[in-house]
């Protein structure tokens, strides 16, 4: 009789100990601040700051944001013209890297429409995005060894957490 009463309790403890419903832990991150910007990067990556940029690196992988001044103020109504110009800039950057643009897209970062690109050569894969705000261009850059899959989720983290402040 006692065994029948304890059976549900024992099953409850066994099920609780299984861990089948445990959620995977999110990777630890650190909030990085730069000139008028912030974004998250994986914790433990080496952080560097300069007057116009902030970056985080681990081995050959790197994420960074660099701020450039625009000659003329940007407004969202100019997106079509800006996108064509940025397509040319990305093609030149890829050519300097010994590659061609493999993917170009319009996406959203920090609630703003941006242009983003991917290119790769034999040793390095690159994802770059351009966020235009007023008289500033924020260049979001991710680099990783060829064949690597977004080390520590750093690139995804950069594009999803970037904010203009």
N, C-alpha and C. Protein backbone atom coordinates (compact mmCIF):
# COMPACT_ATOMS: atom_id res chain seq x y z
N UNK A 1 0.82 -1.19 0.00
CA UNK A 1 0.00 0.00 0.00
C UNK A 1 0.87 1.26 0.00
N UNK A 2 1.91 1.25 0.84
CA UNK A 2 2.82 2.39 0.91
C UNK A 2 3.54 2.58 -0.42
N UNK A 3 3.90 1.45 -1.08
CA UNK A 3 4.59 1.52 -2.36
C UNK A 3 3.70 2.19 -3.41
N UNK A 4 2.40 1.89 -3.41
CA UNK A 4 1.47 2.50 -4.36
C UNK A 4 1.34 4.00 -4.12
N UNK A 5 1.40 4.42 -2.90
CA UNK A 5 1.29 5.84 -2.56
C UNK A 5 2.55 6.59 -2.96
N UNK A 6 3.69 5.94 -2.87
CA UNK A 6 4.97 6.60 -3.18
C UNK A 6 5.29 6.59 -4.67
N UNK A 7 4.67 5.69 -5.43
CA UNK A 7 4.97 5.56 -6.84
C UNK A 7 4.80 6.88 -7.61
N UNK A 8 3.68 7.61 -7.47
CA UNK A 8 3.56 8.88 -8.19
C UNK A 8 4.63 9.90 -7.78
N UNK A 9 5.00 9.89 -6.53
CA UNK A 9 6.02 10.81 -6.04
C UNK A 9 7.38 10.47 -6.64
N UNK A 10 7.70 9.19 -6.72
CA UNK A 10 8.96 8.75 -7.30
C UNK A 10 9.01 9.11 -8.78
N UNK A 11 7.91 8.87 -9.51
CA UNK A 11 7.85 9.22 -10.93
C UNK A 11 8.04 10.73 -11.13
N UNK A 12 7.47 11.52 -10.25
CA UNK A 12 7.62 12.97 -10.34
C UNK A 12 9.08 13.38 -10.21
N UNK A 13 9.78 12.78 -9.26
CA UNK A 13 11.21 13.08 -9.06
C UNK A 13 12.04 12.63 -10.27
N UNK A 14 11.73 11.47 -10.81
CA UNK A 14 12.46 10.97 -11.98
C UNK A 14 12.27 11.90 -13.17
N UNK A 15 11.02 12.30 -13.43
CA UNK A 15 10.75 13.19 -14.54
C UNK A 15 11.41 14.56 -14.36
N UNK A 16 11.42 15.04 -13.14
CA UNK A 16 12.05 16.33 -12.87
C UNK A 16 13.55 16.26 -13.09
N UNK A 17 14.16 15.12 -12.83
CA UNK A 17 15.60 14.97 -12.97
C UNK A 17 16.03 14.70 -14.41
N UNK A 18 15.11 14.34 -15.28
CA UNK A 18 15.47 14.00 -16.66
C UNK A 18 16.05 15.18 -17.42
N UNK A 19 15.56 16.36 -17.17
CA UNK A 19 16.08 17.52 -17.88
C UNK A 19 15.54 17.64 -19.29
N UNK A 20 14.55 16.85 -19.65
CA UNK A 20 14.01 16.90 -21.00
C UNK A 20 13.40 18.24 -21.35
N UNK A 21 12.96 18.99 -20.37
CA UNK A 21 12.34 20.27 -20.67
C UNK A 21 13.27 21.45 -20.41
N UNK A 22 14.51 21.15 -20.10
CA UNK A 22 15.46 22.23 -19.84
C UNK A 22 15.74 23.00 -21.12
N UNK A 23 15.79 24.30 -21.00
CA UNK A 23 16.08 25.15 -22.15
C UNK A 23 17.59 25.35 -22.23
N UNK A 24 18.16 25.39 -23.46
CA UNK A 24 19.59 25.63 -23.56
C UNK A 24 19.90 27.05 -23.08
N UNK A 25 21.03 27.19 -22.41
CA UNK A 25 21.41 28.50 -21.90
C UNK A 25 21.90 29.38 -23.04
N UNK A 26 21.53 30.64 -23.00
CA UNK A 26 22.00 31.59 -24.00
C UNK A 26 23.46 31.90 -23.72
N UNK A 27 24.21 32.13 -24.78
CA UNK A 27 25.61 32.48 -24.62
C UNK A 27 25.72 33.81 -23.89
N UNK A 28 26.71 33.93 -23.03
CA UNK A 28 26.92 35.18 -22.29
C UNK A 28 27.37 36.27 -23.26
N UNK A 29 26.85 37.46 -23.06
CA UNK A 29 27.19 38.57 -23.95
C UNK A 29 27.64 39.76 -23.13
N UNK A 30 28.26 40.69 -23.83
CA UNK A 30 28.69 41.95 -23.22
C UNK A 30 28.18 43.08 -24.12
N UNK A 31 27.76 44.17 -23.51
CA UNK A 31 27.25 45.32 -24.24
C UNK A 31 28.43 46.25 -24.56
N UNK A 32 28.62 46.55 -25.84
CA UNK A 32 29.70 47.43 -26.27
C UNK A 32 29.12 48.78 -26.68
N UNK A 33 29.83 49.84 -26.32
CA UNK A 33 29.41 51.20 -26.65
C UNK A 33 30.49 51.86 -27.48
N UNK A 34 30.06 52.62 -28.47
CA UNK A 34 30.98 53.37 -29.30
C UNK A 34 30.39 54.74 -29.57
N UNK A 35 30.94 55.45 -30.54
CA UNK A 35 30.46 56.80 -30.84
C UNK A 35 29.03 56.81 -31.38
N UNK A 36 28.06 57.05 -30.50
CA UNK A 36 26.65 57.11 -30.90
C UNK A 36 26.02 55.77 -31.18
N UNK A 37 26.58 54.69 -30.64
CA UNK A 37 26.07 53.35 -30.95
C UNK A 37 26.30 52.40 -29.78
N UNK A 38 25.59 51.29 -29.85
CA UNK A 38 25.83 50.18 -28.93
C UNK A 38 25.40 48.89 -29.62
N UNK A 39 26.04 47.80 -29.21
CA UNK A 39 25.66 46.47 -29.69
C UNK A 39 26.22 45.44 -28.73
N UNK A 40 25.74 44.22 -28.86
CA UNK A 40 26.20 43.14 -28.00
C UNK A 40 27.18 42.25 -28.77
N UNK A 41 28.12 41.69 -28.02
CA UNK A 41 29.10 40.75 -28.57
C UNK A 41 29.26 39.62 -27.57
N UNK A 42 29.78 38.49 -28.03
CA UNK A 42 30.00 37.38 -27.09
C UNK A 42 30.98 37.77 -25.99
N UNK A 43 30.68 37.36 -24.80
CA UNK A 43 31.56 37.61 -23.66
C UNK A 43 32.87 36.87 -23.88
N UNK A 44 33.95 37.49 -23.45
CA UNK A 44 35.26 36.85 -23.58
C UNK A 44 35.99 37.21 -24.85
N UNK A 45 35.34 37.89 -25.78
CA UNK A 45 36.02 38.33 -26.99
C UNK A 45 36.86 39.57 -26.65
N UNK A 46 37.97 39.76 -27.33
CA UNK A 46 38.85 40.91 -27.11
C UNK A 46 38.22 42.16 -27.72
N UNK A 47 38.02 43.17 -26.90
CA UNK A 47 37.35 44.40 -27.33
C UNK A 47 38.39 45.48 -27.59
N UNK A 48 38.20 46.20 -28.69
CA UNK A 48 39.05 47.34 -29.02
C UNK A 48 38.17 48.52 -29.39
N UNK A 49 38.60 49.69 -28.93
CA UNK A 49 37.86 50.92 -29.23
C UNK A 49 38.80 51.93 -29.89
N UNK A 50 38.27 52.69 -30.81
CA UNK A 50 38.99 53.79 -31.44
C UNK A 50 38.03 54.97 -31.49
N UNK A 51 38.48 56.09 -31.99
CA UNK A 51 37.64 57.29 -32.02
C UNK A 51 36.34 57.08 -32.80
N UNK A 52 36.40 56.30 -33.87
CA UNK A 52 35.21 56.14 -34.71
C UNK A 52 34.74 54.69 -34.82
N UNK A 53 35.26 53.79 -33.97
CA UNK A 53 34.84 52.39 -34.10
C UNK A 53 34.98 51.64 -32.79
N UNK A 54 34.32 50.50 -32.76
CA UNK A 54 34.46 49.53 -31.66
C UNK A 54 34.37 48.14 -32.28
N UNK A 55 35.21 47.23 -31.79
CA UNK A 55 35.22 45.88 -32.35
C UNK A 55 35.43 44.85 -31.26
N UNK A 56 35.09 43.62 -31.58
CA UNK A 56 35.34 42.48 -30.70
C UNK A 56 35.86 41.36 -31.57
N UNK A 57 36.88 40.65 -31.08
CA UNK A 57 37.49 39.59 -31.88
C UNK A 57 37.83 38.38 -31.01
N UNK A 58 37.81 37.25 -31.68
CA UNK A 58 38.25 35.99 -31.05
C UNK A 58 38.91 35.19 -32.17
N UNK A 59 40.22 35.02 -32.05
CA UNK A 59 40.95 34.34 -33.12
C UNK A 59 40.83 35.14 -34.40
N UNK A 60 40.44 34.48 -35.47
CA UNK A 60 40.30 35.15 -36.78
C UNK A 60 38.90 35.76 -36.98
N UNK A 61 38.00 35.53 -36.05
CA UNK A 61 36.63 36.07 -36.16
C UNK A 61 36.58 37.47 -35.54
N UNK A 62 35.80 38.34 -36.19
CA UNK A 62 35.71 39.72 -35.70
C UNK A 62 34.37 40.32 -36.07
N UNK A 63 33.82 41.13 -35.16
CA UNK A 63 32.66 41.98 -35.44
C UNK A 63 33.06 43.40 -35.10
N UNK A 64 32.56 44.35 -35.88
CA UNK A 64 32.89 45.74 -35.59
C UNK A 64 31.83 46.67 -36.15
N UNK A 65 31.82 47.88 -35.59
CA UNK A 65 31.00 48.95 -36.14
C UNK A 65 31.92 50.16 -36.26
N UNK A 66 31.93 50.74 -37.45
CA UNK A 66 32.71 51.95 -37.72
C UNK A 66 31.75 53.03 -38.16
N UNK A 67 31.97 54.24 -37.67
CA UNK A 67 31.10 55.37 -37.99
C UNK A 67 31.82 56.28 -38.99
N UNK A 68 31.09 56.64 -40.06
CA UNK A 68 31.60 57.57 -41.06
C UNK A 68 30.66 58.76 -41.16
N UNK A 69 31.19 59.93 -41.47
CA UNK A 69 30.36 61.11 -41.69
C UNK A 69 29.95 61.16 -43.15
N UNK A 70 28.67 61.44 -43.38
CA UNK A 70 28.15 61.58 -44.74
C UNK A 70 28.27 63.04 -45.18
N UNK A 71 28.50 63.26 -46.46
CA UNK A 71 28.59 64.62 -46.98
C UNK A 71 27.24 65.33 -46.93
N UNK A 72 26.19 64.57 -47.21
CA UNK A 72 24.83 65.13 -47.20
C UNK A 72 23.98 64.32 -46.23
N UNK A 73 23.00 64.95 -45.60
CA UNK A 73 22.15 64.20 -44.67
C UNK A 73 21.30 63.16 -45.41
N UNK A 74 21.17 62.00 -44.77
CA UNK A 74 20.36 60.92 -45.31
C UNK A 74 18.96 60.99 -44.72
N UNK A 75 17.96 60.72 -45.56
CA UNK A 75 16.57 60.60 -45.11
C UNK A 75 16.03 59.29 -45.70
N UNK A 76 15.14 58.60 -44.98
CA UNK A 76 14.61 57.33 -45.48
C UNK A 76 14.03 57.40 -46.90
N UNK A 77 13.54 58.56 -47.31
CA UNK A 77 13.01 58.71 -48.67
C UNK A 77 14.09 58.52 -49.74
N UNK A 78 15.35 58.62 -49.35
CA UNK A 78 16.47 58.47 -50.27
C UNK A 78 16.97 57.02 -50.35
N UNK A 79 16.29 56.08 -49.71
CA UNK A 79 16.80 54.71 -49.62
C UNK A 79 17.10 54.09 -50.98
N UNK A 80 16.24 54.25 -51.96
CA UNK A 80 16.46 53.63 -53.27
C UNK A 80 17.76 54.07 -53.91
N UNK A 81 18.01 55.38 -53.90
CA UNK A 81 19.25 55.90 -54.47
C UNK A 81 20.46 55.46 -53.65
N UNK A 82 20.31 55.49 -52.33
CA UNK A 82 21.42 55.09 -51.45
C UNK A 82 21.74 53.60 -51.65
N UNK A 83 20.72 52.78 -51.82
CA UNK A 83 20.92 51.34 -52.01
C UNK A 83 21.75 51.07 -53.27
N UNK A 84 21.46 51.78 -54.35
CA UNK A 84 22.24 51.61 -55.59
C UNK A 84 23.70 51.98 -55.36
N UNK A 85 23.93 53.07 -54.65
CA UNK A 85 25.30 53.49 -54.37
C UNK A 85 26.00 52.48 -53.47
N UNK A 86 25.30 51.98 -52.46
CA UNK A 86 25.88 51.00 -51.55
C UNK A 86 26.17 49.68 -52.27
N UNK A 87 25.34 49.30 -53.24
CA UNK A 87 25.60 48.09 -54.03
C UNK A 87 26.97 48.20 -54.71
N UNK A 88 27.27 49.40 -55.23
CA UNK A 88 28.58 49.63 -55.86
C UNK A 88 29.72 49.59 -54.86
N UNK A 89 29.50 50.17 -53.69
CA UNK A 89 30.52 50.15 -52.63
C UNK A 89 30.81 48.71 -52.22
N UNK A 90 29.78 47.91 -52.01
CA UNK A 90 29.96 46.52 -51.59
C UNK A 90 30.69 45.73 -52.67
N UNK A 91 30.39 45.97 -53.93
CA UNK A 91 31.07 45.27 -55.02
C UNK A 91 32.57 45.61 -55.01
N UNK A 92 32.91 46.87 -54.75
CA UNK A 92 34.32 47.28 -54.68
C UNK A 92 35.02 46.63 -53.49
N UNK A 93 34.35 46.60 -52.33
CA UNK A 93 34.94 45.97 -51.15
C UNK A 93 35.18 44.48 -51.40
N UNK A 94 34.22 43.82 -52.02
CA UNK A 94 34.37 42.40 -52.31
C UNK A 94 35.54 42.18 -53.29
N UNK A 95 35.65 43.04 -54.31
CA UNK A 95 36.74 42.92 -55.29
C UNK A 95 38.09 43.10 -54.61
N UNK A 96 38.18 44.05 -53.67
CA UNK A 96 39.43 44.25 -52.92
C UNK A 96 39.79 43.01 -52.12
N UNK A 97 38.79 42.24 -51.76
CA UNK A 97 38.96 41.03 -50.97
C UNK A 97 39.17 39.80 -51.86
N UNK A 98 39.20 40.01 -53.18
CA UNK A 98 39.36 38.90 -54.12
C UNK A 98 38.12 38.07 -54.28
N UNK A 99 36.96 38.71 -54.19
CA UNK A 99 35.68 38.00 -54.24
C UNK A 99 34.67 38.81 -55.03
N UNK A 100 33.45 38.29 -55.08
CA UNK A 100 32.32 39.02 -55.62
C UNK A 100 31.19 38.91 -54.60
N UNK A 101 30.27 39.85 -54.67
CA UNK A 101 29.13 39.82 -53.74
C UNK A 101 28.30 38.58 -54.03
N UNK A 102 28.07 37.77 -53.00
CA UNK A 102 27.28 36.55 -53.15
C UNK A 102 25.82 36.77 -52.79
N UNK A 103 25.58 37.74 -51.90
CA UNK A 103 24.21 38.02 -51.49
C UNK A 103 24.08 39.50 -51.16
N UNK A 104 23.04 40.11 -51.65
CA UNK A 104 22.71 41.49 -51.28
C UNK A 104 21.25 41.50 -50.90
N UNK A 105 20.94 42.24 -49.84
CA UNK A 105 19.56 42.26 -49.37
C UNK A 105 19.22 43.56 -48.66
N UNK A 106 17.95 43.86 -48.66
CA UNK A 106 17.42 44.94 -47.83
C UNK A 106 16.83 44.26 -46.60
N UNK A 107 17.24 44.71 -45.44
CA UNK A 107 16.77 44.12 -44.19
C UNK A 107 16.53 45.23 -43.18
N UNK A 108 16.18 44.87 -41.96
CA UNK A 108 15.91 45.86 -40.93
C UNK A 108 16.87 45.66 -39.76
N UNK A 109 17.49 46.75 -39.33
CA UNK A 109 18.36 46.78 -38.16
C UNK A 109 17.98 48.02 -37.37
N UNK A 110 17.78 47.87 -36.08
CA UNK A 110 17.41 48.99 -35.21
C UNK A 110 16.16 49.72 -35.75
N UNK A 111 15.23 48.94 -36.33
CA UNK A 111 14.00 49.51 -36.85
C UNK A 111 14.17 50.33 -38.13
N UNK A 112 15.36 50.23 -38.74
CA UNK A 112 15.65 51.01 -39.96
C UNK A 112 15.93 50.05 -41.12
N UNK A 113 15.51 50.48 -42.30
CA UNK A 113 15.78 49.72 -43.51
C UNK A 113 17.26 49.92 -43.86
N UNK A 114 17.98 48.81 -44.06
CA UNK A 114 19.41 48.90 -44.40
C UNK A 114 19.73 47.99 -45.57
N UNK A 115 20.92 48.14 -46.12
CA UNK A 115 21.45 47.22 -47.14
C UNK A 115 22.52 46.37 -46.47
N UNK A 116 22.50 45.08 -46.75
CA UNK A 116 23.49 44.15 -46.21
C UNK A 116 23.99 43.24 -47.33
N UNK A 117 25.24 42.79 -47.18
CA UNK A 117 25.91 42.02 -48.23
C UNK A 117 26.74 40.91 -47.62
N UNK A 118 26.95 39.86 -48.43
CA UNK A 118 27.84 38.77 -48.04
C UNK A 118 28.78 38.48 -49.20
N UNK A 119 30.06 38.27 -48.86
CA UNK A 119 31.04 37.82 -49.84
C UNK A 119 32.11 37.02 -49.12
N UNK A 120 32.83 36.20 -49.87
CA UNK A 120 33.86 35.35 -49.26
C UNK A 120 34.94 35.05 -50.27
N UNK A 121 36.14 34.82 -49.75
CA UNK A 121 37.23 34.32 -50.59
C UNK A 121 37.68 32.99 -49.99
N UNK A 122 38.85 32.51 -50.35
CA UNK A 122 39.30 31.20 -49.86
C UNK A 122 39.58 31.17 -48.37
N UNK A 123 39.84 32.32 -47.76
CA UNK A 123 40.23 32.33 -46.35
C UNK A 123 39.27 33.06 -45.42
N UNK A 124 38.43 33.94 -45.98
CA UNK A 124 37.61 34.80 -45.13
C UNK A 124 36.21 34.97 -45.69
N UNK A 125 35.21 34.90 -44.81
CA UNK A 125 33.84 35.22 -45.21
C UNK A 125 33.43 36.51 -44.50
N UNK A 126 32.72 37.35 -45.22
CA UNK A 126 32.38 38.67 -44.72
C UNK A 126 30.90 38.94 -44.87
N UNK A 127 30.33 39.56 -43.85
CA UNK A 127 28.96 40.10 -43.91
C UNK A 127 29.09 41.55 -43.51
N UNK A 128 28.51 42.44 -44.30
CA UNK A 128 28.62 43.87 -44.03
C UNK A 128 27.25 44.51 -44.23
N UNK A 129 26.92 45.45 -43.37
CA UNK A 129 25.66 46.17 -43.46
C UNK A 129 25.90 47.65 -43.26
N UNK A 130 25.07 48.45 -43.92
CA UNK A 130 25.20 49.90 -43.84
C UNK A 130 23.92 50.51 -43.27
N UNK A 131 24.05 51.13 -42.10
CA UNK A 131 22.93 51.80 -41.44
C UNK A 131 23.16 53.30 -41.62
N UNK A 132 22.22 53.96 -42.28
CA UNK A 132 22.34 55.40 -42.55
C UNK A 132 21.37 56.17 -41.68
N UNK A 133 21.90 57.17 -40.95
CA UNK A 133 21.09 57.98 -40.05
C UNK A 133 21.60 59.41 -40.11
N UNK A 134 20.77 60.31 -40.64
CA UNK A 134 21.19 61.72 -40.70
C UNK A 134 22.48 61.88 -41.47
N UNK A 135 23.50 62.42 -40.81
CA UNK A 135 24.81 62.61 -41.45
C UNK A 135 25.80 61.51 -41.09
N UNK A 136 25.30 60.38 -40.62
CA UNK A 136 26.19 59.29 -40.22
C UNK A 136 25.89 57.98 -40.95
N UNK A 137 26.96 57.28 -41.24
CA UNK A 137 26.87 55.92 -41.78
C UNK A 137 27.53 55.00 -40.75
N UNK A 138 26.79 53.99 -40.31
CA UNK A 138 27.33 52.98 -39.41
C UNK A 138 27.58 51.72 -40.23
N UNK A 139 28.83 51.32 -40.31
CA UNK A 139 29.19 50.13 -41.08
C UNK A 139 29.33 48.95 -40.13
N UNK A 140 28.41 48.01 -40.21
CA UNK A 140 28.43 46.80 -39.40
C UNK A 140 29.20 45.74 -40.16
N UNK A 141 30.25 45.18 -39.55
CA UNK A 141 31.12 44.24 -40.25
C UNK A 141 31.32 42.98 -39.42
N UNK A 142 31.18 41.83 -40.08
CA UNK A 142 31.46 40.53 -39.46
C UNK A 142 32.44 39.81 -40.38
N UNK A 143 33.50 39.29 -39.80
CA UNK A 143 34.45 38.49 -40.56
C UNK A 143 34.74 37.21 -39.79
N UNK A 144 34.84 36.11 -40.53
CA UNK A 144 35.14 34.81 -39.92
C UNK A 144 35.92 33.98 -40.93
N UNK A 145 36.68 33.03 -40.46
CA UNK A 145 37.39 32.15 -41.39
C UNK A 145 36.41 31.47 -42.33
N UNK A 146 36.85 31.25 -43.58
CA UNK A 146 35.99 30.59 -44.57
C UNK A 146 35.50 29.27 -44.01
N UNK A 147 34.22 29.01 -44.17
CA UNK A 147 33.62 27.77 -43.70
C UNK A 147 33.15 27.79 -42.26
N UNK A 148 33.53 28.81 -41.50
CA UNK A 148 33.07 28.90 -40.11
C UNK A 148 31.62 29.33 -40.10
N UNK A 149 30.88 28.86 -39.13
CA UNK A 149 29.46 29.22 -39.04
C UNK A 149 29.25 30.21 -37.91
N UNK A 150 29.35 31.47 -38.19
CA UNK A 150 29.05 32.54 -37.23
C UNK A 150 29.57 32.19 -35.83
N UNK A 151 30.89 32.24 -35.64
CA UNK A 151 31.46 31.86 -34.33
C UNK A 151 30.79 32.55 -33.15
N UNK A 152 30.34 31.76 -32.20
CA UNK A 152 29.66 32.22 -30.99
C UNK A 152 28.41 33.06 -31.30
N UNK A 153 27.89 32.97 -32.52
CA UNK A 153 26.70 33.74 -32.91
C UNK A 153 26.97 35.23 -32.97
N UNK A 154 28.23 35.63 -33.10
CA UNK A 154 28.62 37.04 -33.02
C UNK A 154 27.99 37.91 -34.11
N UNK A 155 27.94 37.41 -35.32
CA UNK A 155 27.39 38.21 -36.43
C UNK A 155 25.88 38.41 -36.25
N UNK A 156 25.21 37.33 -35.94
CA UNK A 156 23.77 37.43 -35.70
C UNK A 156 23.49 38.40 -34.56
N UNK A 157 24.30 38.31 -33.52
CA UNK A 157 24.17 39.18 -32.36
C UNK A 157 24.39 40.66 -32.74
N UNK A 158 25.41 40.92 -33.54
CA UNK A 158 25.68 42.29 -33.98
C UNK A 158 24.48 42.88 -34.70
N UNK A 159 23.96 42.18 -35.70
CA UNK A 159 22.86 42.71 -36.51
C UNK A 159 21.55 42.78 -35.73
N UNK A 160 21.36 41.92 -34.74
CA UNK A 160 20.10 41.94 -33.98
C UNK A 160 20.13 42.92 -32.80
N UNK A 161 21.31 43.27 -32.32
CA UNK A 161 21.39 44.12 -31.12
C UNK A 161 21.85 45.54 -31.39
N UNK A 162 22.29 45.82 -32.60
CA UNK A 162 22.82 47.16 -32.89
C UNK A 162 21.76 48.24 -32.69
N UNK A 163 22.16 49.32 -32.01
CA UNK A 163 21.28 50.47 -31.80
C UNK A 163 22.07 51.76 -31.96
N UNK A 164 21.42 52.75 -32.55
CA UNK A 164 21.95 54.10 -32.57
C UNK A 164 21.47 54.76 -31.29
N UNK A 165 22.38 55.40 -30.56
CA UNK A 165 22.01 56.03 -29.30
C UNK A 165 22.26 57.53 -29.34
